[in-house]
Protein backbone atom coordinates (compact mmCIF):
# COMPACT_ATOMS: atom_id res chain seq x y z
CA MET A 1 -32.64 -80.61 54.76
CA THR A 2 -32.15 -76.97 55.76
CA GLN A 3 -31.47 -76.40 59.44
CA THR A 4 -33.74 -73.87 61.13
CA HIS A 5 -32.24 -71.72 63.90
CA ARG A 6 -34.50 -70.48 66.69
CA VAL A 7 -33.28 -67.01 67.61
CA GLY A 8 -33.81 -64.60 70.49
CA ILE A 9 -33.23 -60.84 70.32
CA ILE A 10 -32.20 -59.02 73.51
CA GLY A 11 -32.53 -55.26 73.08
CA CYS A 12 -35.14 -54.07 70.58
CA GLY A 13 -33.96 -50.50 70.00
CA GLY A 14 -32.22 -48.74 67.13
CA ILE A 15 -29.48 -51.22 66.22
CA ALA A 16 -31.86 -54.19 66.36
CA ASN A 17 -34.46 -52.54 64.14
CA GLY A 18 -31.96 -50.80 61.88
CA LYS A 19 -29.65 -53.74 61.25
CA HIS A 20 -30.25 -57.15 62.85
CA LEU A 21 -33.98 -57.68 62.40
CA PRO A 22 -34.32 -56.59 58.74
CA SER A 23 -31.37 -58.78 57.72
CA LEU A 24 -32.42 -61.78 59.83
CA LYS A 25 -35.93 -61.61 58.41
CA LYS A 26 -34.47 -62.33 54.95
CA LEU A 27 -32.87 -65.62 56.03
CA ALA A 28 -35.01 -68.68 55.37
CA ASN A 29 -33.12 -70.70 57.98
CA VAL A 30 -33.84 -68.28 60.86
CA GLN A 31 -36.93 -68.10 63.06
CA LEU A 32 -37.18 -65.05 65.33
CA VAL A 33 -39.03 -66.60 68.27
CA ALA A 34 -38.23 -64.38 71.29
CA PHE A 35 -37.85 -60.64 71.90
CA CYS A 36 -36.67 -58.91 75.06
CA ASP A 37 -36.46 -55.24 76.00
CA ILE A 38 -36.72 -53.36 79.29
CA ILE A 39 -39.49 -51.38 77.55
CA GLU A 40 -42.11 -54.04 76.87
CA GLU A 41 -43.80 -52.07 74.08
CA ARG A 42 -40.58 -52.08 72.06
CA ALA A 43 -40.27 -55.85 72.35
CA GLN A 44 -43.93 -56.29 71.40
CA LYS A 45 -43.54 -54.05 68.36
CA ALA A 46 -40.45 -55.94 67.17
CA ALA A 47 -42.22 -59.27 67.70
CA SER A 48 -45.25 -58.15 65.69
CA GLU A 49 -43.09 -56.89 62.80
CA TYR A 50 -40.42 -59.57 62.66
CA GLY A 51 -41.42 -62.46 64.88
CA ALA A 52 -42.44 -65.96 63.91
CA GLU A 53 -45.96 -67.05 64.78
CA GLY A 54 -46.29 -67.36 68.55
CA ALA A 55 -43.12 -65.36 69.26
CA THR A 56 -42.71 -64.59 72.96
CA VAL A 57 -41.98 -61.23 74.58
CA TYR A 58 -39.89 -60.58 77.71
CA THR A 59 -38.68 -57.66 79.81
CA ASP A 60 -36.06 -59.78 81.66
CA TYR A 61 -33.40 -61.43 79.51
CA ARG A 62 -32.88 -64.12 82.17
CA GLU A 63 -36.39 -65.43 81.53
CA LEU A 64 -35.77 -65.58 77.79
CA LEU A 65 -32.55 -67.55 78.32
CA LYS A 66 -34.50 -70.26 80.17
CA ASP A 67 -36.02 -71.34 76.85
CA GLY A 68 -33.88 -74.31 75.89
CA SER A 69 -35.23 -74.38 72.34
CA ILE A 70 -33.51 -71.10 71.48
CA GLU A 71 -30.15 -71.73 69.83
CA VAL A 72 -28.83 -68.24 69.06
CA ILE A 73 -28.98 -64.91 70.88
CA HIS A 74 -28.37 -61.44 69.41
CA VAL A 75 -27.32 -58.89 72.03
CA CYS A 76 -28.34 -55.38 70.93
CA THR A 77 -28.18 -53.47 74.23
CA PRO A 78 -26.03 -50.58 75.54
CA ASN A 79 -22.32 -51.31 75.92
CA ASP A 80 -22.32 -51.71 79.70
CA SER A 81 -24.61 -54.77 79.53
CA HIS A 82 -22.93 -56.60 76.62
CA ALA A 83 -20.72 -58.80 78.81
CA GLU A 84 -23.36 -59.64 81.41
CA ILE A 85 -25.93 -60.74 78.84
CA ALA A 86 -23.54 -62.42 76.41
CA ILE A 87 -21.88 -64.46 79.17
CA ALA A 88 -25.27 -65.53 80.55
CA ALA A 89 -26.38 -66.57 77.07
CA LEU A 90 -23.20 -68.56 76.44
CA GLU A 91 -23.63 -70.25 79.82
CA SER A 92 -27.18 -71.11 78.72
CA ASP A 93 -25.77 -73.16 75.84
CA LYS A 94 -26.51 -70.59 73.15
CA HIS A 95 -24.40 -69.08 70.38
CA VAL A 96 -24.10 -65.28 70.62
CA MET A 97 -23.79 -62.40 68.19
CA CYS A 98 -23.12 -59.27 70.24
CA GLU A 99 -23.16 -55.77 68.83
CA LYS A 100 -19.95 -53.80 68.78
CA PRO A 101 -17.95 -52.88 70.75
CA MET A 102 -17.41 -56.26 72.38
CA ALA A 103 -17.80 -54.75 75.85
CA LYS A 104 -17.44 -51.55 77.83
CA THR A 105 -14.10 -52.70 79.28
CA ALA A 106 -11.30 -54.96 78.09
CA ALA A 107 -11.69 -57.11 81.21
CA ASP A 108 -15.33 -57.77 80.34
CA ALA A 109 -14.38 -58.54 76.74
CA LYS A 110 -11.82 -61.05 77.98
CA ARG A 111 -14.43 -62.73 80.19
CA MET A 112 -16.71 -63.07 77.16
CA MET A 113 -13.91 -64.61 75.11
CA GLU A 114 -12.98 -67.04 77.88
CA THR A 115 -16.60 -68.06 78.43
CA ALA A 116 -17.02 -68.85 74.73
CA GLU A 117 -13.86 -70.97 74.83
CA ARG A 118 -14.98 -72.82 77.96
CA THR A 119 -18.55 -73.49 76.82
CA GLY A 120 -17.66 -74.33 73.24
CA LYS A 121 -20.36 -71.97 71.96
CA LYS A 122 -19.72 -69.53 69.15
CA LEU A 123 -19.36 -65.81 69.83
CA THR A 124 -19.00 -63.02 67.29
CA ILE A 125 -19.13 -59.22 67.41
CA GLY A 126 -21.09 -57.00 65.02
CA TYR A 127 -18.32 -55.37 62.98
CA ASN A 128 -20.47 -55.26 59.85
CA ASN A 129 -18.14 -52.96 57.88
CA ARG A 130 -15.94 -55.96 57.12
CA PHE A 131 -18.72 -57.19 54.85
CA ARG A 132 -18.91 -54.19 52.49
CA PRO A 133 -17.82 -54.90 48.88
CA ASP A 134 -14.82 -52.55 49.16
CA SER A 135 -13.71 -54.16 52.42
CA GLN A 136 -14.04 -57.67 51.04
CA HIS A 137 -12.05 -56.77 47.94
CA LEU A 138 -9.30 -55.00 49.87
CA LYS A 139 -9.01 -57.93 52.27
CA LYS A 140 -8.34 -60.23 49.30
CA VAL A 141 -5.73 -57.75 47.99
CA CYS A 142 -4.01 -57.86 51.39
CA GLU A 143 -4.19 -61.64 51.68
CA ASP A 144 -2.69 -62.03 48.21
CA GLY A 145 0.29 -59.96 49.35
CA ASP A 146 -0.24 -57.24 46.74
CA LEU A 147 0.59 -54.52 49.28
CA GLY A 148 3.58 -56.35 50.72
CA HIS A 149 4.32 -55.78 54.40
CA ILE A 150 1.86 -53.17 55.73
CA TYR A 151 3.80 -51.03 58.18
CA TYR A 152 1.72 -47.83 58.30
CA ALA A 153 -2.04 -47.37 58.37
CA LYS A 154 -4.75 -44.87 59.22
CA ALA A 155 -8.14 -45.73 60.71
CA HIS A 156 -10.72 -43.09 59.79
CA ALA A 157 -13.93 -42.35 61.73
CA ILE A 158 -14.51 -38.61 61.32
CA ARG A 159 -17.92 -36.95 61.32
CA ARG A 160 -18.19 -33.18 60.99
CA ARG A 161 -21.47 -32.85 62.94
CA ALA A 162 -23.32 -36.10 63.54
CA VAL A 163 -23.69 -36.56 67.28
CA PRO A 164 -26.24 -39.27 68.15
CA THR A 165 -28.51 -37.44 70.59
CA TRP A 166 -30.93 -40.28 71.32
CA GLY A 167 -30.76 -43.25 73.67
CA VAL A 168 -27.67 -43.51 75.88
CA PHE A 169 -24.97 -42.50 73.38
CA LEU A 170 -23.94 -39.44 75.43
CA ASP A 171 -23.93 -41.40 78.72
CA GLY A 172 -20.34 -42.25 79.61
CA GLU A 173 -21.38 -44.67 82.33
CA LYS A 174 -23.49 -46.84 80.03
CA GLN A 175 -21.38 -46.53 76.88
CA GLY A 176 -17.83 -46.26 78.19
CA GLY A 177 -17.02 -43.42 75.82
CA GLY A 178 -18.12 -41.45 72.77
CA PRO A 179 -17.00 -41.57 69.12
CA LEU A 180 -13.86 -43.58 69.85
CA ILE A 181 -15.76 -46.58 71.24
CA ASP A 182 -18.77 -46.02 68.97
CA ILE A 183 -17.38 -45.47 65.45
CA GLY A 184 -13.61 -45.47 66.01
CA THR A 185 -14.04 -49.12 66.97
CA HIS A 186 -15.28 -49.93 63.43
CA ALA A 187 -12.33 -48.19 61.77
CA LEU A 188 -9.82 -49.85 64.10
CA ASP A 189 -11.33 -53.30 63.60
CA LEU A 190 -11.22 -52.86 59.83
CA THR A 191 -7.58 -51.72 59.90
CA LEU A 192 -6.32 -54.52 62.15
CA TRP A 193 -8.19 -57.07 60.03
CA MET A 194 -6.64 -55.81 56.81
CA MET A 195 -3.17 -55.88 58.35
CA ASP A 196 -3.85 -59.23 60.07
CA ASN A 197 -1.94 -57.79 62.99
CA TYR A 198 -3.33 -58.24 66.51
CA LYS A 199 -0.25 -57.63 68.62
CA PRO A 200 -0.27 -54.04 69.92
CA LYS A 201 2.73 -52.86 71.93
CA VAL A 202 2.09 -49.26 72.99
CA VAL A 203 -0.56 -46.58 72.44
CA LEU A 204 -0.73 -42.82 72.93
CA GLY A 205 -4.14 -41.19 72.87
CA THR A 206 -5.90 -37.84 73.26
CA ALA A 207 -9.58 -37.09 73.79
CA TYR A 208 -11.41 -33.76 73.60
CA HIS A 209 -14.54 -32.19 75.09
CA GLU A 210 -14.55 -28.99 73.06
CA LEU A 211 -17.50 -28.71 70.69
CA SER A 212 -19.67 -30.69 73.12
CA LYS A 213 -19.78 -27.59 75.34
CA LYS A 214 -21.64 -25.53 72.71
CA GLU A 215 -25.33 -24.67 73.09
CA ASN A 216 -27.78 -25.01 70.16
CA ALA A 217 -25.09 -26.53 67.97
CA ALA A 218 -25.70 -27.49 64.36
CA ASN A 219 -26.04 -31.26 64.23
CA ALA A 220 -27.49 -33.88 61.89
CA TRP A 221 -29.78 -35.15 64.66
CA GLY A 222 -30.61 -31.88 66.37
CA PRO A 223 -28.78 -29.92 69.07
CA TRP A 224 -27.40 -31.74 72.08
CA ASP A 225 -27.65 -30.84 75.74
CA PRO A 226 -24.09 -29.97 76.88
CA ALA A 227 -24.98 -30.99 80.45
CA LYS A 228 -25.73 -34.54 79.28
CA PHE A 229 -22.76 -34.79 76.89
CA THR A 230 -20.52 -36.75 79.29
CA VAL A 231 -18.32 -38.44 76.67
CA GLU A 232 -15.61 -37.07 74.37
CA ASP A 233 -16.61 -35.35 71.13
CA SER A 234 -13.39 -36.47 69.40
CA ALA A 235 -10.42 -38.72 70.12
CA PHE A 236 -7.18 -39.55 68.36
CA GLY A 237 -4.39 -42.03 68.87
CA MET A 238 -1.20 -43.66 67.71
CA ILE A 239 -0.82 -47.41 68.05
CA VAL A 240 2.55 -49.10 67.61
CA MET A 241 2.45 -52.85 67.06
CA GLU A 242 5.00 -55.38 68.26
CA ASN A 243 6.42 -55.70 64.74
CA GLY A 244 6.95 -51.93 64.55
CA ALA A 245 3.92 -51.13 62.37
CA THR A 246 2.13 -47.85 63.18
CA ILE A 247 -1.61 -47.11 63.08
CA MET A 248 -3.03 -43.60 63.40
CA LEU A 249 -6.65 -43.61 64.61
CA GLU A 250 -8.97 -40.61 64.28
CA SER A 251 -12.55 -40.40 65.51
CA SER A 252 -15.11 -37.67 66.03
CA TRP A 253 -18.83 -37.02 66.25
CA ALA A 254 -18.23 -33.27 66.02
CA LEU A 255 -15.10 -31.70 64.54
CA ASN A 256 -14.41 -28.62 62.45
CA SER A 257 -13.12 -30.58 59.50
CA LEU A 258 -14.16 -31.29 55.93
CA ASP A 259 -11.95 -34.38 55.78
CA ILE A 260 -14.78 -36.70 56.78
CA ASP A 261 -14.71 -40.48 56.45
CA GLU A 262 -16.25 -43.18 58.58
CA ALA A 263 -15.31 -46.85 58.96
CA LYS A 264 -12.52 -46.51 56.39
CA CYS A 265 -8.81 -47.25 56.40
CA SER A 266 -5.68 -46.29 54.49
CA LEU A 267 -2.83 -48.78 54.20
CA SER A 268 0.84 -48.33 53.22
CA GLY A 269 2.89 -51.41 52.41
CA THR A 270 6.28 -52.19 50.97
CA GLU A 271 4.81 -53.07 47.55
CA ALA A 272 1.75 -50.82 47.26
CA GLY A 273 -0.78 -48.79 49.20
CA ALA A 274 -4.57 -48.60 49.36
CA ASP A 275 -7.26 -46.30 50.66
CA MET A 276 -11.06 -46.18 50.78
CA LYS A 277 -11.48 -42.42 50.38
CA GLY A 278 -14.16 -41.75 47.79
CA GLY A 279 -13.96 -45.35 46.65
CA LEU A 280 -11.29 -48.04 46.80
CA ARG A 281 -7.94 -47.01 45.30
CA ILE A 282 -4.67 -48.90 44.98
CA ASN A 283 -1.42 -46.97 44.51
CA GLY A 284 2.11 -48.09 43.78
CA GLU A 285 5.05 -48.11 41.40
CA GLN A 286 5.40 -50.16 38.24
CA HIS A 287 8.10 -49.96 35.56
CA SER A 288 9.62 -46.94 37.35
CA ARG A 289 6.27 -45.10 37.17
CA LEU A 290 3.82 -44.26 39.93
CA TYR A 291 0.27 -45.46 39.38
CA THR A 292 -3.14 -45.08 41.03
CA THR A 293 -5.93 -47.52 40.23
CA ASP A 294 -9.59 -46.89 41.04
CA VAL A 295 -11.15 -50.28 41.73
CA ASP A 296 -14.49 -50.81 39.97
CA LEU A 297 -16.53 -52.98 42.34
CA LYS A 298 -19.53 -53.17 40.00
CA GLY A 299 -17.82 -53.91 36.72
CA GLY A 300 -17.97 -57.68 36.86
CA GLY A 301 -15.20 -60.14 37.56
CA VAL A 302 -15.50 -59.60 41.30
CA ALA A 303 -16.39 -62.99 42.68
CA PHE A 304 -18.25 -61.84 45.77
CA TYR A 305 -20.23 -59.18 43.96
CA GLU A 306 -21.71 -60.76 40.81
CA GLY A 307 -24.68 -58.41 40.89
CA ASN A 308 -25.55 -59.50 44.42
CA SER A 309 -27.86 -57.00 46.10
CA GLU A 310 -26.97 -58.02 49.65
CA ASN A 311 -25.92 -55.14 51.88
CA ALA A 312 -23.18 -55.54 54.48
CA PRO A 313 -25.49 -56.55 57.38
CA ASP A 314 -27.20 -59.12 55.13
CA VAL A 315 -23.84 -60.71 54.32
CA GLU A 316 -22.79 -60.51 57.98
CA MET A 317 -25.89 -62.39 59.18
CA ARG A 318 -25.76 -65.00 56.42
CA LEU A 319 -22.10 -65.83 57.11
CA TRP A 320 -22.71 -65.92 60.88
CA TYR A 321 -25.33 -68.66 60.50
CA GLN A 322 -23.16 -70.42 57.94
CA ALA A 323 -20.37 -70.58 60.55
CA ILE A 324 -22.81 -72.12 63.04
CA GLU A 325 -24.03 -74.72 60.55
CA GLN A 326 -20.57 -75.62 59.29
CA ASN A 327 -18.95 -75.39 62.74
CA THR A 328 -16.29 -72.96 61.54
CA ASP A 329 -14.90 -69.80 63.11
CA PRO A 330 -17.04 -66.71 62.53
CA VAL A 331 -15.55 -63.97 60.34
CA VAL A 332 -15.14 -61.77 63.44
CA THR A 333 -13.53 -63.90 66.14
CA PRO A 334 -13.71 -63.12 69.88
CA LYS A 335 -9.93 -62.80 70.08
CA GLN A 336 -9.85 -60.17 67.33
CA ALA A 337 -12.63 -58.17 68.96
CA TYR A 338 -10.92 -58.43 72.36
CA VAL A 339 -7.75 -56.84 70.96
CA VAL A 340 -9.85 -53.95 69.62
CA SER A 341 -11.29 -53.46 73.13
CA GLN A 342 -7.80 -53.62 74.64
CA ILE A 343 -6.57 -50.86 72.36
CA LEU A 344 -9.63 -48.64 72.86
CA GLU A 345 -9.34 -48.88 76.62
CA ALA A 346 -5.61 -48.10 76.48
CA LEU A 347 -6.29 -45.04 74.31
CA TYR A 348 -8.82 -43.74 76.84
CA GLU A 349 -6.37 -44.38 79.68
CA SER A 350 -3.59 -42.59 77.80
CA ALA A 351 -5.89 -39.62 77.11
CA ARG A 352 -6.78 -39.45 80.79
CA THR A 353 -3.25 -39.74 82.17
CA GLY A 354 -1.27 -38.04 79.40
CA GLN A 355 1.06 -41.04 79.34
CA ALA A 356 1.76 -43.77 76.81
CA VAL A 357 0.20 -47.13 77.75
CA TYR A 358 2.11 -50.36 77.15
CA LEU A 359 0.11 -53.50 76.47
CA ASN A 360 0.85 -57.17 77.12
CA GLU A 361 3.65 -56.47 79.59
């Protein structure tokens, strides 16, 4: 008999409607029974479009959490409220999927991780780029040891002009930062996961507020107001791991560059290398000759593909509920996401002070 999960959504804005709700609606074992947003009309709209019959609407997440029949909570709110809501939900005996980044600060991320451990409830973070076909294939390549020891990597999150001008994206107080914490976090998570390396030693970061000062700037989502642009427009960093491996991280919402890539990584190992630029490529040396292989992810013989039309968020949601049902670790574990938050915070601190920041000392 199929288990049915009663689910509550907290935050009914862009990420809920663009990712969580459409994918959850496709799952036969999920009932969307409660919707909460500080703007009641948004919660009502989401409930009418995606909710089960009799779905309830709230403007205070604390009231929603009182419903003991709800088993799983999805937190889709601004970064500064992730920890508060997720911890309250875990304390209310509910499993939690929280959107990325895990939290605004590393300390809050750690509290979330510790609460999940103490309560025994499952917690995962919405790093959906792990579930793309190219990511899944490259992860298998890495696990099989085809690249050897990965000692150098790049995490790519570069937009030429795509500043999100809606909501609270430009609000440093609510978000904790700009492109580094927004899209750089995806690229960093992907890179660490491929390397299976979660022991950072030292970071050096820089952040810039250059193009954000421009009036009437060209932008995919319309010009921004420089007075309200309180976060960086680009940020870069070098991360050295305890085993000596180096990661270069690049992120921007606005940068004069044509070398644009988002949520991608490049890996260099002792046996071969790989990158996701323009498609997945593997490079190396065989029989004293250099080779480059373009990986065909639609040509058959790829176990996870097999003509499957699921997009990355669909796979993410399906595997999340599978982990709950089978009582296994989610694909994105709290500890992994906490390390991402640690590194991001250290990069911001380094950019602010001009000094390298040592971790875990």
